[in-house]
Amino acid sequence: MKENKNEGTPEEIVAKINSETSKVAWTELLPFFAKGMAIYVSHKLDLIKVAYALSEDDKQQLEVWMSEGLVANVTDEQASAWNESNVIVWAAVIKPWLLVQPIVD
């Protein structure tokens, strides 16, 4: 059995991540992007589930999502388009990373 890297049960960790997730304007997150720490999460995935996998260092699951293009570093093109469109994203911090998921209407 894999040792839990975080304190608390999986449910408690998910609840903590969920409570720290918020809607924010992409423009406020540009410093994370500039440092290469902004990670895109497709709207096809649950942001909290991805944040939990990252917090648990679940490399196998993250690699699957990355190979499918569902999780990736935010590209220059994405950042520019989001900046110009004043996009609002769901954001979750799993130090040192910032996970962002554009809100789809």
PDB file of N, CA and C in Angstrom:
ATOM      1  N   MET A   1       0.836  -1.182   0.000  1.00  0.00           N
ATOM      2  CA  MET A   1       0.000   0.000   0.000  1.00  0.00           C
ATOM      3  C   MET A   1       0.879   1.244   0.000  1.00  0.00           C
ATOM      4  N   LYS A   2       0.497   2.204  -0.822  1.00  0.00           N
ATOM      5  CA  LYS A   2       1.273   3.436  -0.933  1.00  0.00           C
ATOM      6  C   LYS A   2       1.089   4.297   0.313  1.00  0.00           C
ATOM      7  N   GLU A   3       2.191   4.788   0.823  1.00  0.00           N
ATOM      8  CA  GLU A   3       2.116   5.651   1.985  1.00  0.00           C
ATOM      9  C   GLU A   3       1.535   6.996   1.580  1.00  0.00           C
ATOM     10  N   ASN A   4       0.599   7.494   2.378  1.00  0.00           N
ATOM     11  CA  ASN A   4      -0.024   8.783   2.122  1.00  0.00           C
ATOM     12  C   ASN A   4       0.980   9.887   2.425  1.00  0.00           C
ATOM     13  N   LYS A   5       1.248  10.743   1.437  1.00  0.00           N
ATOM     14  CA  LYS A   5       2.238  11.811   1.612  1.00  0.00           C
ATOM     15  C   LYS A   5       1.672  12.981   2.415  1.00  0.00           C
ATOM     16  N   ASN A   6       0.352  13.070   2.495  1.00  0.00           N
ATOM     17  CA  ASN A   6      -0.301  14.160   3.202  1.00  0.00           C
ATOM     18  C   ASN A   6      -0.844  13.658   4.527  1.00  0.00           C
ATOM     19  N   GLU A   7      -1.138  14.604   5.401  1.00  0.00           N
ATOM     20  CA  GLU A   7      -1.737  14.233   6.669  1.00  0.00           C
ATOM     21  C   GLU A   7      -3.242  14.181   6.506  1.00  0.00           C
ATOM     22  N   GLY A   8      -3.852  13.146   7.072  1.00  0.00           N
ATOM     23  CA  GLY A   8      -5.292  13.001   7.006  1.00  0.00           C
ATOM     24  C   GLY A   8      -5.700  11.892   6.060  1.00  0.00           C
ATOM     25  N   THR A   9      -6.983  11.582   6.120  1.00  0.00           N
ATOM     26  CA  THR A   9      -7.541  10.564   5.239  1.00  0.00           C
ATOM     27  C   THR A   9      -7.684  11.151   3.838  1.00  0.00           C
ATOM     28  N   PRO A  10      -7.836  10.293   2.833  1.00  0.00           N
ATOM     29  CA  PRO A  10      -8.067  10.832   1.485  1.00  0.00           C
ATOM     30  C   PRO A  10      -9.251  11.799   1.439  1.00  0.00           C
ATOM     31  N   GLU A  11     -10.311  11.477   2.171  1.00  0.00           N
ATOM     32  CA  GLU A  11     -11.485  12.352   2.192  1.00  0.00           C
ATOM     33  C   GLU A  11     -11.156  13.719   2.787  1.00  0.00           C
ATOM     34  N   GLU A  12     -10.361  13.731   3.855  1.00  0.00           N
ATOM     35  CA  GLU A  12      -9.971  14.995   4.486  1.00  0.00           C
ATOM     36  C   GLU A  12      -9.079  15.815   3.560  1.00  0.00           C
ATOM     37  N   ILE A  13      -8.189  15.149   2.851  1.00  0.00           N
ATOM     38  CA  ILE A  13      -7.292  15.846   1.923  1.00  0.00           C
ATOM     39  C   ILE A  13      -8.092  16.450   0.778  1.00  0.00           C
ATOM     40  N   VAL A  14      -9.025  15.675   0.226  1.00  0.00           N
ATOM     41  CA  VAL A  14      -9.876  16.181  -0.858  1.00  0.00           C
ATOM     42  C   VAL A  14     -10.699  17.369  -0.365  1.00  0.00           C
ATOM     43  N   ALA A  15     -11.246  17.274   0.840  1.00  0.00           N
ATOM     44  CA  ALA A  15     -12.035  18.379   1.396  1.00  0.00           C
ATOM     45  C   ALA A  15     -11.175  19.629   1.556  1.00  0.00           C
ATOM     46  N   LYS A  16      -9.934  19.456   1.994  1.00  0.00           N
ATOM     47  CA  LYS A  16      -9.026  20.599   2.156  1.00  0.00           C
ATOM     48  C   LYS A  16      -8.714  21.228   0.801  1.00  0.00           C
ATOM     49  N   ILE A  17      -8.408  20.405  -0.197  1.00  0.00           N
ATOM     50  CA  ILE A  17      -8.132  20.925  -1.540  1.00  0.00           C
ATOM     51  C   ILE A  17      -9.352  21.678  -2.056  1.00  0.00           C
ATOM     52  N   ASN A  18     -10.529  21.077  -1.887  1.00  0.00           N
ATOM     53  CA  ASN A  18     -11.764  21.693  -2.360  1.00  0.00           C
ATOM     54  C   ASN A  18     -11.999  23.048  -1.699  1.00  0.00           C
ATOM     55  N   SER A  19     -11.738  23.135  -0.402  1.00  0.00           N
ATOM     56  CA  SER A  19     -11.966  24.392   0.323  1.00  0.00           C
ATOM     57  C   SER A  19     -10.983  25.485  -0.092  1.00  0.00           C
ATOM     58  N   GLU A  20      -9.856  25.091  -0.661  1.00  0.00           N
ATOM     59  CA  GLU A  20      -8.837  26.057  -1.069  1.00  0.00           C
ATOM     60  C   GLU A  20      -8.881  26.362  -2.563  1.00  0.00           C
ATOM     61  N   THR A  21      -9.862  25.812  -3.261  1.00  0.00           N
ATOM     62  CA  THR A  21     -10.027  26.044  -4.692  1.00  0.00           C
ATOM     63  C   THR A  21     -10.928  27.253  -4.887  1.00  0.00           C
ATOM     64  N   SER A  22     -10.588  28.093  -5.866  1.00  0.00           N
ATOM     65  CA  SER A  22     -11.419  29.279  -6.076  1.00  0.00           C
ATOM     66  C   SER A  22     -11.441  29.693  -7.539  1.00  0.00           C
ATOM     67  N   LYS A  23     -12.438  30.521  -7.857  1.00  0.00           N
ATOM     68  CA  LYS A  23     -12.517  31.147  -9.173  1.00  0.00           C
ATOM     69  C   LYS A  23     -11.648  32.396  -9.122  1.00  0.00           C
ATOM     70  N   VAL A  24     -10.853  32.591 -10.156  1.00  0.00           N
ATOM     71  CA  VAL A  24      -9.971  33.751 -10.187  1.00  0.00           C
ATOM     72  C   VAL A  24      -9.701  34.141 -11.637  1.00  0.00           C
ATOM     73  N   ALA A  25      -9.480  35.420 -11.843  1.00  0.00           N
ATOM     74  CA  ALA A  25      -9.140  35.894 -13.187  1.00  0.00           C
ATOM     75  C   ALA A  25      -7.748  35.392 -13.554  1.00  0.00           C
ATOM     76  N   TRP A  26      -7.609  34.887 -14.774  1.00  0.00           N
ATOM     77  CA  TRP A  26      -6.325  34.381 -15.244  1.00  0.00           C
ATOM     78  C   TRP A  26      -5.236  35.428 -15.079  1.00  0.00           C
ATOM     79  N   THR A  27      -5.567  36.687 -15.316  1.00  0.00           N
ATOM     80  CA  THR A  27      -4.558  37.752 -15.249  1.00  0.00           C
ATOM     81  C   THR A  27      -3.895  37.836 -13.876  1.00  0.00           C
ATOM     82  N   GLU A  28      -4.600  37.422 -12.830  1.00  0.00           N
ATOM     83  CA  GLU A  28      -4.022  37.455 -11.486  1.00  0.00           C
ATOM     84  C   GLU A  28      -3.004  36.332 -11.269  1.00  0.00           C
ATOM     85  N   LEU A  29      -3.002  35.368 -12.173  1.00  0.00           N
ATOM     86  CA  LEU A  29      -2.144  34.195 -12.011  1.00  0.00           C
ATOM     87  C   LEU A  29      -0.922  34.218 -12.918  1.00  0.00           C
ATOM     88  N   LEU A  30      -0.747  35.301 -13.636  1.00  0.00           N
ATOM     89  CA  LEU A  30       0.372  35.390 -14.575  1.00  0.00           C
ATOM     90  C   LEU A  30       1.738  35.159 -13.932  1.00  0.00           C
ATOM     91  N   PRO A  31       1.964  35.574 -12.674  1.00  0.00           N
ATOM     92  CA  PRO A  31       3.271  35.279 -12.075  1.00  0.00           C
ATOM     93  C   PRO A  31       3.582  33.776 -12.010  1.00  0.00           C
ATOM     94  N   PHE A  32       2.566  32.951 -11.762  1.00  0.00           N
ATOM     95  CA  PHE A  32       2.777  31.495 -11.761  1.00  0.00           C
ATOM     96  C   PHE A  32       3.155  31.019 -13.158  1.00  0.00           C
ATOM     97  N   PHE A  33       2.449  31.549 -14.164  1.00  0.00           N
ATOM     98  CA  PHE A  33       2.746  31.175 -15.545  1.00  0.00           C
ATOM     99  C   PHE A  33       4.172  31.583 -15.903  1.00  0.00           C
ATOM    100  N   ALA A  34       4.565  32.791 -15.513  1.00  0.00           N
ATOM    101  CA  ALA A  34       5.901  33.296 -15.837  1.00  0.00           C
ATOM    102  C   ALA A  34       6.997  32.416 -15.236  1.00  0.00           C
ATOM    103  N   LYS A  35       6.700  31.778 -14.110  1.00  0.00           N
ATOM    104  CA  LYS A  35       7.670  30.895 -13.455  1.00  0.00           C
ATOM    105  C   LYS A  35       7.577  29.455 -13.965  1.00  0.00           C
ATOM    106  N   GLY A  36       6.667  29.199 -14.913  1.00  0.00           N
ATOM    107  CA  GLY A  36       6.515  27.847 -15.446  1.00  0.00           C
ATOM    108  C   GLY A  36       5.796  26.897 -14.512  1.00  0.00           C
ATOM    109  N   MET A  37       4.994  27.435 -13.613  1.00  0.00           N
ATOM    110  CA  MET A  37       4.342  26.607 -12.603  1.00  0.00           C
ATOM    111  C   MET A  37       2.837  26.475 -12.800  1.00  0.00           C
ATOM    112  N   ALA A  38       2.306  26.984 -13.910  1.00  0.00           N
ATOM    113  CA  ALA A  38       0.868  26.897 -14.177  1.00  0.00           C
ATOM    114  C   ALA A  38       0.580  25.657 -15.013  1.00  0.00           C
ATOM    115  N   ILE A  39      -0.329  24.843 -14.530  1.00  0.00           N
ATOM    116  CA  ILE A  39      -0.686  23.582 -15.177  1.00  0.00           C
ATOM    117  C   ILE A  39      -2.151  23.639 -15.617  1.00  0.00           C
ATOM    118  N   TYR A  40      -2.371  23.379 -16.904  1.00  0.00           N
ATOM    119  CA  TYR A  40      -3.717  23.340 -17.473  1.00  0.00           C
ATOM    120  C   TYR A  40      -4.377  22.005 -17.164  1.00  0.00           C
ATOM    121  N   VAL A  41      -5.654  22.077 -16.761  1.00  0.00           N
ATOM    122  CA  VAL A  41      -6.465  20.878 -16.548  1.00  0.00           C
ATOM    123  C   VAL A  41      -7.703  21.009 -17.434  1.00  0.00           C
ATOM    124  N   SER A  42      -7.906  20.048 -18.305  1.00  0.00           N
ATOM    125  CA  SER A  42      -9.048  20.048 -19.210  1.00  0.00           C
ATOM    126  C   SER A  42     -10.364  20.042 -18.436  1.00  0.00           C
ATOM    127  N   HIS A  43     -11.382  20.665 -19.036  1.00  0.00           N
ATOM    128  CA  HIS A  43     -12.715  20.646 -18.428  1.00  0.00           C
ATOM    129  C   HIS A  43     -13.311  19.235 -18.407  1.00  0.00           C
ATOM    130  N   LYS A  44     -12.678  18.306 -19.101  1.00  0.00           N
ATOM    131  CA  LYS A  44     -13.138  16.911 -19.102  1.00  0.00           C
ATOM    132  C   LYS A  44     -12.774  16.189 -17.803  1.00  0.00           C
ATOM    133  N   LEU A  45     -11.896  16.804 -17.008  1.00  0.00           N
ATOM    134  CA  LEU A  45     -11.455  16.200 -15.749  1.00  0.00           C
ATOM    135  C   LEU A  45     -11.979  16.998 -14.567  1.00  0.00           C
ATOM    136  N   ASP A  46     -12.045  16.337 -13.428  1.00  0.00           N
ATOM    137  CA  ASP A  46     -12.395  16.983 -12.167  1.00  0.00           C
ATOM    138  C   ASP A  46     -11.112  17.613 -11.607  1.00  0.00           C
ATOM    139  N   LEU A  47     -11.110  18.925 -11.486  1.00  0.00           N
ATOM    140  CA  LEU A  47      -9.921  19.642 -11.004  1.00  0.00           C
ATOM    141  C   LEU A  47      -9.461  19.110  -9.649  1.00  0.00           C
ATOM    142  N   ILE A  48     -10.399  18.837  -8.767  1.00  0.00           N
ATOM    143  CA  ILE A  48     -10.048  18.359  -7.426  1.00  0.00           C
ATOM    144  C   ILE A  48      -9.375  16.988  -7.503  1.00  0.00           C
ATOM    145  N   LYS A  49      -9.865  16.131  -8.380  1.00  0.00           N
ATOM    146  CA  LYS A  49      -9.278  14.797  -8.549  1.00  0.00           C
ATOM    147  C   LYS A  49      -7.837  14.909  -9.061  1.00  0.00           C
ATOM    148  N   VAL A  50      -7.605  15.829  -9.987  1.00  0.00           N
ATOM    149  CA  VAL A  50      -6.253  16.034 -10.515  1.00  0.00           C
ATOM    150  C   VAL A  50      -5.350  16.604  -9.423  1.00  0.00           C
ATOM    151  N   ALA A  51      -5.864  17.572  -8.672  1.00  0.00           N
ATOM    152  CA  ALA A  51      -5.080  18.163  -7.587  1.00  0.00           C
ATOM    153  C   ALA A  51      -4.717  17.100  -6.549  1.00  0.00           C
ATOM    154  N   TYR A  52      -5.662  16.233  -6.245  1.00  0.00           N
ATOM    155  CA  TYR A  52      -5.388  15.158  -5.288  1.00  0.00           C
ATOM    156  C   TYR A  52      -4.304  14.222  -5.824  1.00  0.00           C
ATOM    157  N   ALA A  53      -4.414  13.835  -7.083  1.00  0.00           N
ATOM    158  CA  ALA A  53      -3.402  12.952  -7.679  1.00  0.00           C
ATOM    159  C   ALA A  53      -2.021  13.599  -7.613  1.00  0.00           C
ATOM    160  N   LEU A  54      -1.956  14.884  -7.892  1.00  0.00           N
ATOM    161  CA  LEU A  54      -0.680  15.600  -7.826  1.00  0.00           C
ATOM    162  C   LEU A  54      -0.166  15.648  -6.392  1.00  0.00           C
ATOM    163  N   SER A  55      -1.055  15.909  -5.450  1.00  0.00           N
ATOM    164  CA  SER A  55      -0.636  15.985  -4.044  1.00  0.00           C
ATOM    165  C   SER A  55      -0.122  14.645  -3.531  1.00  0.00           C
ATOM    166  N   GLU A  56      -0.621  13.566  -4.115  1.00  0.00           N
ATOM    167  CA  GLU A  56      -0.205  12.219  -3.718  1.00  0.00           C
ATOM    168  C   GLU A  56       0.936  11.686  -4.582  1.00  0.00           C
ATOM    169  N   ASP A  57       1.413  12.514  -5.503  1.00  0.00           N
ATOM    170  CA  ASP A  57       2.499  12.128  -6.403  1.00  0.00           C
ATOM    171  C   ASP A  57       2.144  10.860  -7.188  1.00  0.00           C
ATOM    172  N   ASP A  58       0.894  10.826  -7.675  1.00  0.00           N
ATOM    173  CA  ASP A  58       0.406   9.682  -8.450  1.00  0.00           C
ATOM    174  C   ASP A  58       0.881   9.827  -9.897  1.00  0.00           C
ATOM    175  N   LYS A  59       2.149   9.530 -10.106  1.00  0.00           N
ATOM    176  CA  LYS A  59       2.781   9.722 -11.416  1.00  0.00           C
ATOM    177  C   LYS A  59       2.096   8.930 -12.518  1.00  0.00           C
ATOM    178  N   GLN A  60       1.674   7.721 -12.205  1.00  0.00           N
ATOM    179  CA  GLN A  60       1.050   6.874 -13.221  1.00  0.00           C
ATOM    180  C   GLN A  60      -0.220   7.530 -13.774  1.00  0.00           C
ATOM    181  N   GLN A  61      -1.101   7.999 -12.893  1.00  0.00           N
ATOM    182  CA  GLN A  61      -2.339   8.631 -13.349  1.00  0.00           C
ATOM    183  C   GLN A  61      -2.046   9.945 -14.067  1.00  0.00           C
ATOM    184  N   LEU A  62      -1.132  10.732 -13.537  1.00  0.00           N
ATOM    185  CA  LEU A  62      -0.786  12.007 -14.169  1.00  0.00           C
ATOM    186  C   LEU A  62      -0.224  11.791 -15.567  1.00  0.00           C
ATOM    187  N   GLU A  63       0.606  10.762 -15.733  1.00  0.00           N
ATOM    188  CA  GLU A  63       1.165  10.468 -17.058  1.00  0.00           C
ATOM    189  C   GLU A  63       0.078  10.088 -18.057  1.00  0.00           C
ATOM    190  N   VAL A  64      -0.939   9.358 -17.604  1.00  0.00           N
ATOM    191  CA  VAL A  64      -2.059   9.002 -18.486  1.00  0.00           C
ATOM    192  C   VAL A  64      -2.762  10.276 -18.948  1.00  0.00           C
ATOM    193  N   TRP A  65      -3.107  11.138 -18.004  1.00  0.00           N
ATOM    194  CA  TRP A  65      -3.789  12.388 -18.363  1.00  0.00           C
ATOM    195  C   TRP A  65      -2.924  13.249 -19.273  1.00  0.00           C
ATOM    196  N   MET A  66      -1.638  13.301 -18.999  1.00  0.00           N
ATOM    197  CA  MET A  66      -0.742  14.103 -19.832  1.00  0.00           C
ATOM    198  C   MET A  66      -0.651  13.530 -21.241  1.00  0.00           C
ATOM    199  N   SER A  67      -0.564  12.209 -21.361  1.00  0.00           N
ATOM    200  CA  SER A  67      -0.469  11.594 -22.686  1.00  0.00           C
ATOM    201  C   SER A  67      -1.741  11.814 -23.498  1.00  0.00           C
ATOM    202  N   GLU A  68      -2.858  12.008 -22.816  1.00  0.00           N
ATOM    203  CA  GLU A  68      -4.134  12.262 -23.486  1.00  0.00           C
ATOM    204  C   GLU A  68      -4.374  13.754 -23.727  1.00  0.00           C
ATOM    205  N   GLY A  69      -3.418  14.598 -23.298  1.00  0.00           N
ATOM    206  CA  GLY A  69      -3.554  16.040 -23.480  1.00  0.00           C
ATOM    207  C   GLY A  69      -4.546  16.687 -22.535  1.00  0.00           C
ATOM    208  N   LEU A  70      -4.897  15.993 -21.462  1.00  0.00           N
ATOM    209  CA  LEU A  70      -5.876  16.511 -20.510  1.00  0.00           C
ATOM    210  C   LEU A  70      -5.231  17.330 -19.395  1.00  0.00           C
ATOM    211  N   VAL A  71      -3.944  17.136 -19.185  1.00  0.00           N
ATOM    212  CA  VAL A  71      -3.153  17.881 -18.202  1.00  0.00           C
ATOM    213  C   VAL A  71      -1.842  18.235 -18.884  1.00  0.00           C
ATOM    214  N   ALA A  72      -1.460  19.509 -18.803  1.00  0.00           N
ATOM    215  CA  ALA A  72      -0.225  19.957 -19.468  1.00  0.00           C
ATOM    216  C   ALA A  72       0.187  21.314 -18.919  1.00  0.00           C
ATOM    217  N   ASN A  73       1.425  21.674 -19.177  1.00  0.00           N
ATOM    218  CA  ASN A  73       1.842  23.037 -18.852  1.00  0.00           C
ATOM    219  C   ASN A  73       0.999  24.004 -19.670  1.00  0.00           C
ATOM    220  N   VAL A  74       0.642  25.125 -19.073  1.00  0.00           N
ATOM    221  CA  VAL A  74      -0.081  26.156 -19.818  1.00  0.00           C
ATOM    222  C   VAL A  74       0.857  26.665 -20.907  1.00  0.00           C
ATOM    223  N   THR A  75       0.364  26.698 -22.140  1.00  0.00           N
ATOM    224  CA  THR A  75       1.187  27.156 -23.265  1.00  0.00           C
ATOM    225  C   THR A  75       1.133  28.676 -23.386  1.00  0.00           C
ATOM    226  N   ASP A  76       2.093  29.220 -24.123  1.00  0.00           N
ATOM    227  CA  ASP A  76       2.083  30.660 -24.391  1.00  0.00           C
ATOM    228  C   ASP A  76       0.795  31.065 -25.095  1.00  0.00           C
ATOM    229  N   GLU A  77       0.337  30.220 -26.016  1.00  0.00           N
ATOM    230  CA  GLU A  77      -0.883  30.517 -26.772  1.00  0.00           C
ATOM    231  C   GLU A  77      -2.100  30.555 -25.857  1.00  0.00           C
ATOM    232  N   GLN A  78      -2.206  29.582 -24.954  1.00  0.00           N
ATOM    233  CA  GLN A  78      -3.321  29.573 -24.003  1.00  0.00           C
ATOM    234  C   GLN A  78      -3.276  30.816 -23.127  1.00  0.00           C
ATOM    235  N   ALA A  79      -2.115  31.102 -22.574  1.00  0.00           N
ATOM    236  CA  ALA A  79      -1.973  32.243 -21.672  1.00  0.00           C
ATOM    237  C   ALA A  79      -2.353  33.541 -22.369  1.00  0.00           C
ATOM    238  N   SER A  80      -1.905  33.707 -23.592  1.00  0.00           N
ATOM    239  CA  SER A  80      -2.209  34.920 -24.349  1.00  0.00           C
ATOM    240  C   SER A  80      -3.706  35.036 -24.623  1.00  0.00           C
ATOM    241  N   ALA A  81      -4.319  33.946 -25.073  1.00  0.00           N
ATOM    242  CA  ALA A  81      -5.758  33.956 -25.372  1.00  0.00           C
ATOM    243  C   ALA A  81      -6.573  34.216 -24.110  1.00  0.00           C
ATOM    244  N   TRP A  82      -6.211  33.583 -23.012  1.00  0.00           N
ATOM    245  CA  TRP A  82      -6.938  33.783 -21.758  1.00  0.00           C
ATOM    246  C   TRP A  82      -6.777  35.211 -21.264  1.00  0.00           C
ATOM    247  N   ASN A  83      -5.593  35.761 -21.444  1.00  0.00           N
ATOM    248  CA  ASN A  83      -5.331  37.130 -21.017  1.00  0.00           C
ATOM    249  C   ASN A  83      -6.189  38.108 -21.814  1.00  0.00           C
ATOM    250  N   GLU A  84      -6.219  37.929 -23.129  1.00  0.00           N
ATOM    251  CA  GLU A  84      -6.987  38.818 -24.003  1.00  0.00           C
ATOM    252  C   GLU A  84      -8.488  38.704 -23.770  1.00  0.00           C
ATOM    253  N   SER A  85      -8.948  37.521 -23.377  1.00  0.00           N
ATOM    254  CA  SER A  85     -10.384  37.278 -23.187  1.00  0.00           C
ATOM    255  C   SER A  85     -10.839  37.448 -21.739  1.00  0.00           C
ATOM    256  N   ASN A  86      -9.925  37.846 -20.872  1.00  0.00           N
ATOM    257  CA  ASN A  86     -10.253  37.989 -19.445  1.00  0.00           C
ATOM    258  C   ASN A  86     -10.920  36.731 -18.883  1.00  0.00           C
ATOM    259  N   VAL A  87     -10.322  35.595 -19.158  1.00  0.00           N
ATOM    260  CA  VAL A  87     -10.872  34.305 -18.742  1.00  0.00           C
ATOM    261  C   VAL A  87     -10.814  34.153 -17.222  1.00  0.00           C
ATOM    262  N   ILE A  88     -11.879  33.560 -16.694  1.00  0.00           N
ATOM    263  CA  ILE A  88     -11.926  33.184 -15.284  1.00  0.00           C
ATOM    264  C   ILE A  88     -11.635  31.686 -15.226  1.00  0.00           C
ATOM    265  N   VAL A  89     -10.795  31.284 -14.284  1.00  0.00           N
ATOM    266  CA  VAL A  89     -10.431  29.878 -14.141  1.00  0.00           C
ATOM    267  C   VAL A  89     -10.738  29.402 -12.730  1.00  0.00           C
ATOM    268  N   TRP A  90     -10.936  28.103 -12.611  1.00  0.00           N
ATOM    269  CA  TRP A  90     -10.880  27.473 -11.307  1.00  0.00           C
ATOM    270  C   TRP A  90      -9.403  27.257 -11.035  1.00  0.00           C
ATOM    271  N   ALA A  91      -8.951  27.549  -9.840  1.00  0.00           N
ATOM    272  CA  ALA A  91      -7.534  27.411  -9.514  1.00  0.00           C
ATOM    273  C   ALA A  91      -7.358  26.646  -8.204  1.00  0.00           C
ATOM    274  N   ALA A  92      -6.347  25.788  -8.196  1.00  0.00           N
ATOM    275  CA  ALA A  92      -5.987  25.038  -6.995  1.00  0.00           C
ATOM    276  C   ALA A  92      -4.467  25.000  -6.917  1.00  0.00           C
ATOM    277  N   VAL A  93      -3.949  25.308  -5.757  1.00  0.00           N
ATOM    278  CA  VAL A  93      -2.500  25.288  -5.558  1.00  0.00           C
ATOM    279  C   VAL A  93      -2.107  23.990  -4.860  1.00  0.00           C
ATOM    280  N   ILE A  94      -1.209  23.270  -5.498  1.00  0.00           N
ATOM    281  CA  ILE A  94      -0.535  22.119  -4.893  1.00  0.00           C
ATOM    282  C   ILE A  94       0.943  22.461  -5.035  1.00  0.00           C
ATOM    283  N   LYS A  95       1.497  23.036  -3.980  1.00  0.00           N
ATOM    284  CA  LYS A  95       2.842  23.609  -4.047  1.00  0.00           C
ATOM    285  C   LYS A  95       3.836  22.655  -4.673  1.00  0.00           C
ATOM    286  N   PRO A  96       4.644  23.162  -5.581  1.00  0.00           N
ATOM    287  CA  PRO A  96       4.748  24.548  -6.051  1.00  0.00           C
ATOM    288  C   PRO A  96       3.854  24.855  -7.257  1.00  0.00           C
ATOM    289  N   TRP A  97       2.971  23.932  -7.614  1.00  0.00           N
ATOM    290  CA  TRP A  97       2.192  24.053  -8.841  1.00  0.00           C
ATOM    291  C   TRP A  97       0.864  24.771  -8.633  1.00  0.00           C
ATOM    292  N   LEU A  98       0.403  25.410  -9.694  1.00  0.00           N
ATOM    293  CA  LEU A  98      -0.920  26.023  -9.731  1.00  0.00           C
ATOM    294  C   LEU A  98      -1.696  25.326 -10.839  1.00  0.00           C
ATOM    295  N   LEU A  99      -2.764  24.642 -10.475  1.00  0.00           N
ATOM    296  CA  LEU A  99      -3.620  23.992 -11.462  1.00  0.00           C
ATOM    297  C   LEU A  99      -4.714  24.969 -11.868  1.00  0.00           C
ATOM    298  N   VAL A 100      -4.931  25.113 -13.161  1.00  0.00           N
ATOM    299  CA  VAL A 100      -5.969  26.020 -13.655  1.00  0.00           C
ATOM    300  C   VAL A 100      -6.870  25.291 -14.639  1.00  0.00           C
ATOM    301  N   GLN A 101      -8.149  25.589 -14.526  1.00  0.00           N
ATOM    302  CA  GLN A 101      -9.147  24.994 -15.408  1.00  0.00           C
ATOM    303  C   GLN A 101     -10.096  26.106 -15.841  1.00  0.00           C
ATOM    304  N   PRO A 102      -9.997  26.529 -17.107  1.00  0.00           N
ATOM    305  CA  PRO A 102     -10.892  27.586 -17.577  1.00  0.00           C
ATOM    306  C   PRO A 102     -12.350  27.189 -17.359  1.00  0.00           C
ATOM    307  N   ILE A 103     -13.138  28.141 -16.929  1.00  0.00           N
ATOM    308  CA  ILE A 103     -14.558  27.893 -16.704  1.00  0.00           C
ATOM    309  C   ILE A 103     -15.272  27.942 -18.041  1.00  0.00           C
ATOM    310  N   VAL A 104     -15.982  26.861 -18.330  1.00  0.00           N
ATOM    311  CA  VAL A 104     -16.722  26.742 -19.585  1.00  0.00           C
ATOM    312  C   VAL A 104     -18.189  26.992 -19.281  1.00  0.00           C
ATOM    313  N   ASP A 105     -18.779  27.922 -20.021  1.00  0.00           N
ATOM    314  CA  ASP A 105     -20.208  28.232 -19.800  1.00  0.00           C
ATOM    315  C   ASP A 105     -21.097  27.133 -20.288  1.00  0.00           C
TER     316      ASP A 105
END
